[in-house]
Structure formats: C-alpha cells, structure tokens
Amino acid sequence: MLIVTGSIAARADTFEALRLASLEHVARSLAEPGCLEHGVAVDAQDDLRLVFFERWSDRAALDAHFKVPASRAFAAEAGRLAARPPNLAIYDASQLSLR
C-alpha cells in the first residue's frame, strides 16, 4: 500500500476556488481503481492551507491516477491558485494489526 500526503497553501483570494477544485479532485479520485482513501481538509493551524491524505493499493494504481487527464488538470490549476509550490510525499507502507 502507498500513502500519499500533500499540502497546498492558497492565497486569500484563491482559497475558495482551490477548496472547490480539491473537493472535486477527491471525489473523482475515490472512484478510481486502487484508491482506498482520498481526502482533503483545512489545516487547523493555517486556514489558507489544504492538507491531503491518500491511500492507494499499489504503485500501478497511483501511477494510473497521475496519468488521468483530470488529475493533471487539477495539478496545473492548483499550482496557479497556490501561494507557493505544493508539496507531495509518497510512502510505501504496510498495514499492521494492533491485536
């Protein structure tokens, strides 16, 4: 399983547009094969920063997600609406049982 984390800081005049675009991106992504979880939230310490958390079944599913034209369009739009470059990190993870 892969975990993806990211964040985008908006400008005050672009926050609402970025928030709406992010919600559309999340909804679209959740329908893709291999997407186990995908969410976006407003940072509790910075109300102009959106934080993303995703779980993908494998690298092939994530790579396919990055190739979807709508995902590429979202990345371009987010870059235009951001106050500074977005950040993204990908982690290879194993699920452990706490029993």
PDB file of N, CA and C in Angstrom:
ATOM      1  N   MET A   1       0.853  -1.168   0.000  1.00  0.00           N
ATOM      2  CA  MET A   1       0.000   0.000   0.000  1.00  0.00           C
ATOM      3  C   MET A   1       0.899   1.232   0.000  1.00  0.00           C
ATOM      4  N   LEU A   2       0.433   2.264  -0.702  1.00  0.00           N
ATOM      5  CA  LEU A   2       1.142   3.535  -0.709  1.00  0.00           C
ATOM      6  C   LEU A   2       0.302   4.590   0.002  1.00  0.00           C
ATOM      7  N   ILE A   3       0.964   5.433   0.741  1.00  0.00           N
ATOM      8  CA  ILE A   3       0.314   6.574   1.388  1.00  0.00           C
ATOM      9  C   ILE A   3       0.898   7.830   0.763  1.00  0.00           C
ATOM     10  N   VAL A   4       0.011   8.728   0.390  1.00  0.00           N
ATOM     11  CA  VAL A   4       0.414   9.999  -0.209  1.00  0.00           C
ATOM     12  C   VAL A   4      -0.074  11.111   0.704  1.00  0.00           C
ATOM     13  N   THR A   5       0.822  12.013   1.046  1.00  0.00           N
ATOM     14  CA  THR A   5       0.441  13.201   1.806  1.00  0.00           C
ATOM     15  C   THR A   5       0.864  14.420   0.998  1.00  0.00           C
ATOM     16  N   GLY A   6       0.121  15.474   1.157  1.00  0.00           N
ATOM     17  CA  GLY A   6       0.465  16.692   0.448  1.00  0.00           C
ATOM     18  C   GLY A   6      -0.230  17.879   1.055  1.00  0.00           C
ATOM     19  N   SER A   7       0.201  19.046   0.642  1.00  0.00           N
ATOM     20  CA  SER A   7      -0.475  20.258   1.089  1.00  0.00           C
ATOM     21  C   SER A   7      -0.299  21.351   0.048  1.00  0.00           C
ATOM     22  N   ILE A   8      -1.276  22.241   0.045  1.00  0.00           N
ATOM     23  CA  ILE A   8      -1.250  23.397  -0.847  1.00  0.00           C
ATOM     24  C   ILE A   8      -1.687  24.607  -0.036  1.00  0.00           C
ATOM     25  N   ALA A   9      -0.871  25.628  -0.037  1.00  0.00           N
ATOM     26  CA  ALA A   9      -1.224  26.889   0.617  1.00  0.00           C
ATOM     27  C   ALA A   9      -1.808  27.815  -0.438  1.00  0.00           C
ATOM     28  N   ALA A  10      -3.017  28.282  -0.199  1.00  0.00           N
ATOM     29  CA  ALA A  10      -3.682  29.204  -1.122  1.00  0.00           C
ATOM     30  C   ALA A  10      -3.417  30.641  -0.720  1.00  0.00           C
ATOM     31  N   ARG A  11      -3.745  31.529  -1.619  1.00  0.00           N
ATOM     32  CA  ARG A  11      -3.788  32.949  -1.282  1.00  0.00           C
ATOM     33  C   ARG A  11      -5.210  33.235  -0.809  1.00  0.00           C
ATOM     34  N   ALA A  12      -5.413  34.302  -0.084  1.00  0.00           N
ATOM     35  CA  ALA A  12      -6.752  34.633   0.420  1.00  0.00           C
ATOM     36  C   ALA A  12      -7.764  34.749  -0.715  1.00  0.00           C
ATOM     37  N   ASP A  13      -7.334  35.290  -1.849  1.00  0.00           N
ATOM     38  CA  ASP A  13      -8.257  35.471  -2.969  1.00  0.00           C
ATOM     39  C   ASP A  13      -8.475  34.212  -3.799  1.00  0.00           C
ATOM     40  N   THR A  14      -7.711  33.144  -3.555  1.00  0.00           N
ATOM     41  CA  THR A  14      -7.864  31.906  -4.334  1.00  0.00           C
ATOM     42  C   THR A  14      -8.317  30.715  -3.494  1.00  0.00           C
ATOM     43  N   PHE A  15      -8.430  30.919  -2.179  1.00  0.00           N
ATOM     44  CA  PHE A  15      -8.723  29.777  -1.313  1.00  0.00           C
ATOM     45  C   PHE A  15     -10.000  29.039  -1.707  1.00  0.00           C
ATOM     46  N   GLU A  16     -11.094  29.744  -1.909  1.00  0.00           N
ATOM     47  CA  GLU A  16     -12.371  29.074  -2.190  1.00  0.00           C
ATOM     48  C   GLU A  16     -12.316  28.303  -3.511  1.00  0.00           C
ATOM     49  N   ALA A  17     -11.716  28.865  -4.511  1.00  0.00           N
ATOM     50  CA  ALA A  17     -11.576  28.165  -5.790  1.00  0.00           C
ATOM     51  C   ALA A  17     -10.719  26.914  -5.623  1.00  0.00           C
ATOM     52  N   LEU A  18      -9.642  27.019  -4.859  1.00  0.00           N
ATOM     53  CA  LEU A  18      -8.774  25.868  -4.618  1.00  0.00           C
ATOM     54  C   LEU A  18      -9.502  24.803  -3.796  1.00  0.00           C
ATOM     55  N   ARG A  19     -10.262  25.225  -2.803  1.00  0.00           N
ATOM     56  CA  ARG A  19     -11.014  24.270  -1.985  1.00  0.00           C
ATOM     57  C   ARG A  19     -12.018  23.498  -2.834  1.00  0.00           C
ATOM     58  N   LEU A  20     -12.761  24.190  -3.673  1.00  0.00           N
ATOM     59  CA  LEU A  20     -13.754  23.525  -4.525  1.00  0.00           C
ATOM     60  C   LEU A  20     -13.094  22.591  -5.534  1.00  0.00           C
ATOM     61  N   ALA A  21     -12.002  23.029  -6.145  1.00  0.00           N
ATOM     62  CA  ALA A  21     -11.280  22.172  -7.086  1.00  0.00           C
ATOM     63  C   ALA A  21     -10.742  20.932  -6.377  1.00  0.00           C
ATOM     64  N   SER A  22     -10.274  21.102  -5.144  1.00  0.00           N
ATOM     65  CA  SER A  22      -9.747  19.970  -4.365  1.00  0.00           C
ATOM     66  C   SER A  22     -10.842  18.972  -4.031  1.00  0.00           C
ATOM     67  N   LEU A  23     -12.007  19.457  -3.650  1.00  0.00           N
ATOM     68  CA  LEU A  23     -13.123  18.554  -3.345  1.00  0.00           C
ATOM     69  C   LEU A  23     -13.550  17.768  -4.582  1.00  0.00           C
ATOM     70  N   GLU A  24     -13.570  18.419  -5.734  1.00  0.00           N
ATOM     71  CA  GLU A  24     -13.896  17.717  -6.984  1.00  0.00           C
ATOM     72  C   GLU A  24     -12.836  16.667  -7.299  1.00  0.00           C
ATOM     73  N   HIS A  25     -11.576  17.017  -7.098  1.00  0.00           N
ATOM     74  CA  HIS A  25     -10.471  16.081  -7.350  1.00  0.00           C
ATOM     75  C   HIS A  25     -10.573  14.862  -6.435  1.00  0.00           C
ATOM     76  N   VAL A  26     -10.868  15.092  -5.174  1.00  0.00           N
ATOM     77  CA  VAL A  26     -11.000  13.991  -4.217  1.00  0.00           C
ATOM     78  C   VAL A  26     -12.148  13.064  -4.629  1.00  0.00           C
ATOM     79  N   ALA A  27     -13.303  13.624  -4.950  1.00  0.00           N
ATOM     80  CA  ALA A  27     -14.458  12.810  -5.341  1.00  0.00           C
ATOM     81  C   ALA A  27     -14.134  11.981  -6.583  1.00  0.00           C
ATOM     82  N   ARG A  28     -13.492  12.582  -7.544  1.00  0.00           N
ATOM     83  CA  ARG A  28     -13.125  11.879  -8.777  1.00  0.00           C
ATOM     84  C   ARG A  28     -12.120  10.770  -8.477  1.00  0.00           C
ATOM     85  N   SER A  29     -11.140  11.072  -7.647  1.00  0.00           N
ATOM     86  CA  SER A  29     -10.093  10.104  -7.327  1.00  0.00           C
ATOM     87  C   SER A  29     -10.639   8.889  -6.596  1.00  0.00           C
ATOM     88  N   LEU A  30     -11.601   9.095  -5.722  1.00  0.00           N
ATOM     89  CA  LEU A  30     -12.181   7.984  -4.961  1.00  0.00           C
ATOM     90  C   LEU A  30     -12.820   6.936  -5.861  1.00  0.00           C
ATOM     91  N   ALA A  31     -13.208   7.316  -7.060  1.00  0.00           N
ATOM     92  CA  ALA A  31     -13.830   6.381  -7.995  1.00  0.00           C
ATOM     93  C   ALA A  31     -12.804   5.596  -8.815  1.00  0.00           C
ATOM     94  N   GLU A  32     -11.540   5.929  -8.692  1.00  0.00           N
ATOM     95  CA  GLU A  32     -10.508   5.267  -9.490  1.00  0.00           C
ATOM     96  C   GLU A  32     -10.136   3.917  -8.888  1.00  0.00           C
ATOM     97  N   PRO A  33      -9.813   2.952  -9.748  1.00  0.00           N
ATOM     98  CA  PRO A  33      -9.366   1.641  -9.251  1.00  0.00           C
ATOM     99  C   PRO A  33      -8.115   1.790  -8.383  1.00  0.00           C
ATOM    100  N   GLY A  34      -8.106   1.118  -7.245  1.00  0.00           N
ATOM    101  CA  GLY A  34      -6.943   1.129  -6.370  1.00  0.00           C
ATOM    102  C   GLY A  34      -6.902   2.257  -5.365  1.00  0.00           C
ATOM    103  N   CYS A  35      -7.859   3.197  -5.445  1.00  0.00           N
ATOM    104  CA  CYS A  35      -7.903   4.279  -4.456  1.00  0.00           C
ATOM    105  C   CYS A  35      -8.647   3.768  -3.230  1.00  0.00           C
ATOM    106  N   LEU A  36      -7.946   3.644  -2.123  1.00  0.00           N
ATOM    107  CA  LEU A  36      -8.525   3.136  -0.876  1.00  0.00           C
ATOM    108  C   LEU A  36      -9.055   4.260   0.001  1.00  0.00           C
ATOM    109  N   GLU A  37      -8.438   5.422  -0.113  1.00  0.00           N
ATOM    110  CA  GLU A  37      -8.843   6.582   0.689  1.00  0.00           C
ATOM    111  C   GLU A  37      -8.252   7.827   0.038  1.00  0.00           C
ATOM    112  N   HIS A  38      -9.018   8.890   0.059  1.00  0.00           N
ATOM    113  CA  HIS A  38      -8.524  10.149  -0.520  1.00  0.00           C
ATOM    114  C   HIS A  38      -9.319  11.265   0.144  1.00  0.00           C
ATOM    115  N   GLY A  39      -8.649  12.162   0.806  1.00  0.00           N
ATOM    116  CA  GLY A  39      -9.355  13.233   1.489  1.00  0.00           C
ATOM    117  C   GLY A  39      -8.562  14.521   1.510  1.00  0.00           C
ATOM    118  N   VAL A  40      -9.285  15.600   1.763  1.00  0.00           N
ATOM    119  CA  VAL A  40      -8.661  16.914   1.893  1.00  0.00           C
ATOM    120  C   VAL A  40      -9.316  17.626   3.062  1.00  0.00           C
ATOM    121  N   ALA A  41      -8.526  18.369   3.817  1.00  0.00           N
ATOM    122  CA  ALA A  41      -9.038  19.110   4.977  1.00  0.00           C
ATOM    123  C   ALA A  41      -8.296  20.434   5.084  1.00  0.00           C
ATOM    124  N   VAL A  42      -8.939  21.379   5.721  1.00  0.00           N
ATOM    125  CA  VAL A  42      -8.294  22.657   6.001  1.00  0.00           C
ATOM    126  C   VAL A  42      -7.405  22.470   7.223  1.00  0.00           C
ATOM    127  N   ASP A  43      -6.184  22.927   7.141  1.00  0.00           N
ATOM    128  CA  ASP A  43      -5.231  22.846   8.245  1.00  0.00           C
ATOM    129  C   ASP A  43      -5.776  23.642   9.437  1.00  0.00           C
ATOM    130  N   ALA A  44      -5.825  23.028  10.608  1.00  0.00           N
ATOM    131  CA  ALA A  44      -6.353  23.686  11.804  1.00  0.00           C
ATOM    132  C   ALA A  44      -5.472  24.846  12.270  1.00  0.00           C
ATOM    133  N   GLN A  45      -4.221  24.869  11.834  1.00  0.00           N
ATOM    134  CA  GLN A  45      -3.310  25.929  12.263  1.00  0.00           C
ATOM    135  C   GLN A  45      -3.075  26.996  11.192  1.00  0.00           C
ATOM    136  N   ASP A  46      -3.565  26.738   9.969  1.00  0.00           N
ATOM    137  CA  ASP A  46      -3.383  27.688   8.864  1.00  0.00           C
ATOM    138  C   ASP A  46      -4.602  27.563   7.957  1.00  0.00           C
ATOM    139  N   ASP A  47      -5.547  28.470   8.099  1.00  0.00           N
ATOM    140  CA  ASP A  47      -6.819  28.329   7.393  1.00  0.00           C
ATOM    141  C   ASP A  47      -6.736  28.626   5.896  1.00  0.00           C
ATOM    142  N   LEU A  48      -5.552  28.871   5.375  1.00  0.00           N
ATOM    143  CA  LEU A  48      -5.366  29.004   3.926  1.00  0.00           C
ATOM    144  C   LEU A  48      -4.631  27.796   3.341  1.00  0.00           C
ATOM    145  N   ARG A  49      -4.390  26.777   4.175  1.00  0.00           N
ATOM    146  CA  ARG A  49      -3.627  25.598   3.744  1.00  0.00           C
ATOM    147  C   ARG A  49      -4.539  24.374   3.713  1.00  0.00           C
ATOM    148  N   LEU A  50      -4.537  23.670   2.585  1.00  0.00           N
ATOM    149  CA  LEU A  50      -5.279  22.424   2.441  1.00  0.00           C
ATOM    150  C   LEU A  50      -4.304  21.259   2.574  1.00  0.00           C
ATOM    151  N   VAL A  51      -4.722  20.229   3.299  1.00  0.00           N
ATOM    152  CA  VAL A  51      -3.886  19.061   3.548  1.00  0.00           C
ATOM    153  C   VAL A  51      -4.575  17.835   2.954  1.00  0.00           C
ATOM    154  N   PHE A  52      -3.819  17.051   2.208  1.00  0.00           N
ATOM    155  CA  PHE A  52      -4.343  15.850   1.545  1.00  0.00           C
ATOM    156  C   PHE A  52      -3.775  14.597   2.187  1.00  0.00           C
ATOM    157  N   PHE A  53      -4.617  13.560   2.261  1.00  0.00           N
ATOM    158  CA  PHE A  53      -4.180  12.248   2.721  1.00  0.00           C
ATOM    159  C   PHE A  53      -4.811  11.215   1.799  1.00  0.00           C
ATOM    160  N   GLU A  54      -3.974  10.324   1.264  1.00  0.00           N
ATOM    161  CA  GLU A  54      -4.455   9.313   0.328  1.00  0.00           C
ATOM    162  C   GLU A  54      -3.838   7.959   0.663  1.00  0.00           C
ATOM    163  N   ARG A  55      -4.597   6.904   0.368  1.00  0.00           N
ATOM    164  CA  ARG A  55      -4.069   5.533   0.430  1.00  0.00           C
ATOM    165  C   ARG A  55      -4.391   4.863  -0.890  1.00  0.00           C
ATOM    166  N   TRP A  56      -3.383   4.250  -1.505  1.00  0.00           N
ATOM    167  CA  TRP A  56      -3.522   3.567  -2.783  1.00  0.00           C
ATOM    168  C   TRP A  56      -3.070   2.119  -2.628  1.00  0.00           C
ATOM    169  N   SER A  57      -3.725   1.220  -3.349  1.00  0.00           N
ATOM    170  CA  SER A  57      -3.431  -0.212  -3.216  1.00  0.00           C
ATOM    171  C   SER A  57      -2.007  -0.551  -3.645  1.00  0.00           C
ATOM    172  N   ASP A  58      -1.509   0.119  -4.684  1.00  0.00           N
ATOM    173  CA  ASP A  58      -0.167  -0.185  -5.183  1.00  0.00           C
ATOM    174  C   ASP A  58       0.330   0.933  -6.096  1.00  0.00           C
ATOM    175  N   ARG A  59       1.574   0.801  -6.515  1.00  0.00           N
ATOM    176  CA  ARG A  59       2.199   1.842  -7.342  1.00  0.00           C
ATOM    177  C   ARG A  59       1.518   1.966  -8.703  1.00  0.00           C
ATOM    178  N   ALA A  60       1.072   0.845  -9.256  1.00  0.00           N
ATOM    179  CA  ALA A  60       0.418   0.893 -10.566  1.00  0.00           C
ATOM    180  C   ALA A  60      -0.853   1.743 -10.509  1.00  0.00           C
ATOM    181  N   ALA A  61      -1.627   1.605  -9.441  1.00  0.00           N
ATOM    182  CA  ALA A  61      -2.855   2.394  -9.290  1.00  0.00           C
ATOM    183  C   ALA A  61      -2.521   3.876  -9.145  1.00  0.00           C
ATOM    184  N   LEU A  62      -1.499   4.192  -8.361  1.00  0.00           N
ATOM    185  CA  LEU A  62      -1.108   5.594  -8.178  1.00  0.00           C
ATOM    186  C   LEU A  62      -0.561   6.184  -9.478  1.00  0.00           C
ATOM    187  N   ASP A  63       0.250   5.415 -10.185  1.00  0.00           N
ATOM    188  CA  ASP A  63       0.777   5.895 -11.468  1.00  0.00           C
ATOM    189  C   ASP A  63      -0.358   6.161 -12.451  1.00  0.00           C
ATOM    190  N   ALA A  64      -1.352   5.272 -12.474  1.00  0.00           N
ATOM    191  CA  ALA A  64      -2.508   5.474 -13.353  1.00  0.00           C
ATOM    192  C   ALA A  64      -3.256   6.747 -12.961  1.00  0.00           C
ATOM    193  N   HIS A  65      -3.383   6.989 -11.664  1.00  0.00           N
ATOM    194  CA  HIS A  65      -4.041   8.202 -11.164  1.00  0.00           C
ATOM    195  C   HIS A  65      -3.321   9.457 -11.657  1.00  0.00           C
ATOM    196  N   PHE A  66      -2.005   9.451 -11.601  1.00  0.00           N
ATOM    197  CA  PHE A  66      -1.230  10.605 -12.042  1.00  0.00           C
ATOM    198  C   PHE A  66      -1.369  10.857 -13.549  1.00  0.00           C
ATOM    199  N   LYS A  67      -1.737   9.815 -14.317  1.00  0.00           N
ATOM    200  CA  LYS A  67      -1.872   9.944 -15.766  1.00  0.00           C
ATOM    201  C   LYS A  67      -3.279  10.359 -16.202  1.00  0.00           C
ATOM    202  N   VAL A  68      -4.249  10.322 -15.291  1.00  0.00           N
ATOM    203  CA  VAL A  68      -5.615  10.717 -15.635  1.00  0.00           C
ATOM    204  C   VAL A  68      -5.597  12.202 -16.026  1.00  0.00           C
ATOM    205  N   PRO A  69      -6.148  12.548 -17.187  1.00  0.00           N
ATOM    206  CA  PRO A  69      -6.132  13.954 -17.606  1.00  0.00           C
ATOM    207  C   PRO A  69      -6.713  14.911 -16.558  1.00  0.00           C
ATOM    208  N   ALA A  70      -7.767  14.500 -15.869  1.00  0.00           N
ATOM    209  CA  ALA A  70      -8.363  15.373 -14.853  1.00  0.00           C
ATOM    210  C   ALA A  70      -7.405  15.581 -13.676  1.00  0.00           C
ATOM    211  N   SER A  71      -6.608  14.587 -13.335  1.00  0.00           N
ATOM    212  CA  SER A  71      -5.618  14.745 -12.262  1.00  0.00           C
ATOM    213  C   SER A  71      -4.532  15.725 -12.677  1.00  0.00           C
ATOM    214  N   ARG A  72      -4.111  15.626 -13.924  1.00  0.00           N
ATOM    215  CA  ARG A  72      -3.086  16.539 -14.432  1.00  0.00           C
ATOM    216  C   ARG A  72      -3.633  17.970 -14.486  1.00  0.00           C
ATOM    217  N   ALA A  73      -4.902  18.099 -14.872  1.00  0.00           N
ATOM    218  CA  ALA A  73      -5.528  19.430 -14.925  1.00  0.00           C
ATOM    219  C   ALA A  73      -5.651  20.012 -13.518  1.00  0.00           C
ATOM    220  N   PHE A  74      -6.009  19.153 -12.535  1.00  0.00           N
ATOM    221  CA  PHE A  74      -6.092  19.640 -11.156  1.00  0.00           C
ATOM    222  C   PHE A  74      -4.728  20.131 -10.672  1.00  0.00           C
ATOM    223  N   ALA A  75      -3.682  19.367 -10.947  1.00  0.00           N
ATOM    224  CA  ALA A  75      -2.342  19.766 -10.509  1.00  0.00           C
ATOM    225  C   ALA A  75      -1.950  21.121 -11.108  1.00  0.00           C
ATOM    226  N   ALA A  76      -2.273  21.324 -12.377  1.00  0.00           N
ATOM    227  CA  ALA A  76      -1.950  22.601 -13.022  1.00  0.00           C
ATOM    228  C   ALA A  76      -2.759  23.736 -12.406  1.00  0.00           C
ATOM    229  N   GLU A  77      -4.059  23.508 -12.181  1.00  0.00           N
ATOM    230  CA  GLU A  77      -4.907  24.537 -11.588  1.00  0.00           C
ATOM    231  C   GLU A  77      -4.460  24.851 -10.157  1.00  0.00           C
ATOM    232  N   ALA A  78      -4.156  23.811  -9.385  1.00  0.00           N
ATOM    233  CA  ALA A  78      -3.704  24.018  -8.008  1.00  0.00           C
ATOM    234  C   ALA A  78      -2.422  24.839  -7.982  1.00  0.00           C
ATOM    235  N   GLY A  79      -1.531  24.572  -8.917  1.00  0.00           N
ATOM    236  CA  GLY A  79      -0.294  25.346  -8.991  1.00  0.00           C
ATOM    237  C   GLY A  79      -0.551  26.821  -9.258  1.00  0.00           C
ATOM    238  N   ARG A  80      -1.546  27.113 -10.096  1.00  0.00           N
ATOM    239  CA  ARG A  80      -1.881  28.509 -10.397  1.00  0.00           C
ATOM    240  C   ARG A  80      -2.538  29.205  -9.207  1.00  0.00           C
ATOM    241  N   LEU A  81      -3.299  28.449  -8.407  1.00  0.00           N
ATOM    242  CA  LEU A  81      -4.035  29.029  -7.281  1.00  0.00           C
ATOM    243  C   LEU A  81      -3.213  29.088  -5.996  1.00  0.00           C
ATOM    244  N   ALA A  82      -2.095  28.403  -5.967  1.00  0.00           N
ATOM    245  CA  ALA A  82      -1.284  28.290  -4.746  1.00  0.00           C
ATOM    246  C   ALA A  82      -0.461  29.546  -4.490  1.00  0.00           C
ATOM    247  N   ALA A  83      -0.212  29.783  -3.212  1.00  0.00           N
ATOM    248  CA  ALA A  83       0.647  30.891  -2.798  1.00  0.00           C
ATOM    249  C   ALA A  83       2.123  30.544  -2.984  1.00  0.00           C
ATOM    250  N   ARG A  84       2.425  29.265  -2.934  1.00  0.00           N
ATOM    251  CA  ARG A  84       3.786  28.755  -3.128  1.00  0.00           C
ATOM    252  C   ARG A  84       3.661  27.337  -3.671  1.00  0.00           C
ATOM    253  N   PRO A  85       4.738  26.740  -4.153  1.00  0.00           N
ATOM    254  CA  PRO A  85       4.619  25.406  -4.739  1.00  0.00           C
ATOM    255  C   PRO A  85       4.034  24.385  -3.753  1.00  0.00           C
ATOM    256  N   PRO A  86       3.101  23.561  -4.227  1.00  0.00           N
ATOM    257  CA  PRO A  86       2.543  22.500  -3.375  1.00  0.00           C
ATOM    258  C   PRO A  86       3.637  21.497  -3.006  1.00  0.00           C
ATOM    259  N   ASN A  87       3.396  20.736  -1.937  1.00  0.00           N
ATOM    260  CA  ASN A  87       4.332  19.656  -1.616  1.00  0.00           C
ATOM    261  C   ASN A  87       3.588  18.335  -1.610  1.00  0.00           C
ATOM    262  N   LEU A  88       4.324  17.273  -1.897  1.00  0.00           N
ATOM    263  CA  LEU A  88       3.763  15.931  -2.027  1.00  0.00           C
ATOM    264  C   LEU A  88       4.813  14.939  -1.567  1.00  0.00           C
ATOM    265  N   ALA A  89       4.393  13.938  -0.813  1.00  0.00           N
ATOM    266  CA  ALA A  89       5.297  12.871  -0.394  1.00  0.00           C
ATOM    267  C   ALA A  89       4.569  11.538  -0.557  1.00  0.00           C
ATOM    268  N   ILE A  90       5.308  10.524  -0.976  1.00  0.00           N
ATOM    269  CA  ILE A  90       4.753   9.185  -1.175  1.00  0.00           C
ATOM    270  C   ILE A  90       5.525   8.225  -0.284  1.00  0.00           C
ATOM    271  N   TYR A  91       4.778   7.419   0.470  1.00  0.00           N
ATOM    272  CA  TYR A  91       5.371   6.465   1.402  1.00  0.00           C
ATOM    273  C   TYR A  91       4.890   5.056   1.070  1.00  0.00           C
ATOM    274  N   ASP A  92       5.796   4.113   1.085  1.00  0.00           N
ATOM    275  CA  ASP A  92       5.452   2.702   0.943  1.00  0.00           C
ATOM    276  C   ASP A  92       5.157   2.192   2.344  1.00  0.00           C
ATOM    277  N   ALA A  93       3.956   1.647   2.549  1.00  0.00           N
ATOM    278  CA  ALA A  93       3.533   1.288   3.908  1.00  0.00           C
ATOM    279  C   ALA A  93       2.993  -0.123   3.973  1.00  0.00           C
ATOM    280  N   SER A  94       3.104  -0.709   5.135  1.00  0.00           N
ATOM    281  CA  SER A  94       2.495  -1.999   5.440  1.00  0.00           C
ATOM    282  C   SER A  94       1.495  -1.788   6.552  1.00  0.00           C
ATOM    283  N   GLN A  95       0.360  -2.426   6.439  1.00  0.00           N
ATOM    284  CA  GLN A  95      -0.652  -2.297   7.486  1.00  0.00           C
ATOM    285  C   GLN A  95      -0.368  -3.334   8.569  1.00  0.00           C
ATOM    286  N   LEU A  96      -0.295  -2.858   9.802  1.00  0.00           N
ATOM    287  CA  LEU A  96      -0.030  -3.747  10.924  1.00  0.00           C
ATOM    288  C   LEU A  96      -1.294  -3.881  11.771  1.00  0.00           C
ATOM    289  N   SER A  97      -1.500  -5.067  12.267  1.00  0.00           N
ATOM    290  CA  SER A  97      -2.634  -5.293  13.157  1.00  0.00           C
ATOM    291  C   SER A  97      -2.206  -4.984  14.585  1.00  0.00           C
ATOM    292  N   LEU A  98      -3.040  -4.313  15.343  1.00  0.00           N
ATOM    293  CA  LEU A  98      -2.708  -3.971  16.727  1.00  0.00           C
ATOM    294  C   LEU A  98      -3.341  -4.941  17.723  1.00  0.00           C
ATOM    295  N   ARG A  99      -3.701  -6.078  17.291  1.00  0.00           N
ATOM    296  CA  ARG A  99      -4.315  -7.079  18.179  1.00  0.00           C
ATOM    297  C   ARG A  99      -3.312  -7.787  19.013  1.00  0.00           C
TER     298      ARG A  99
END
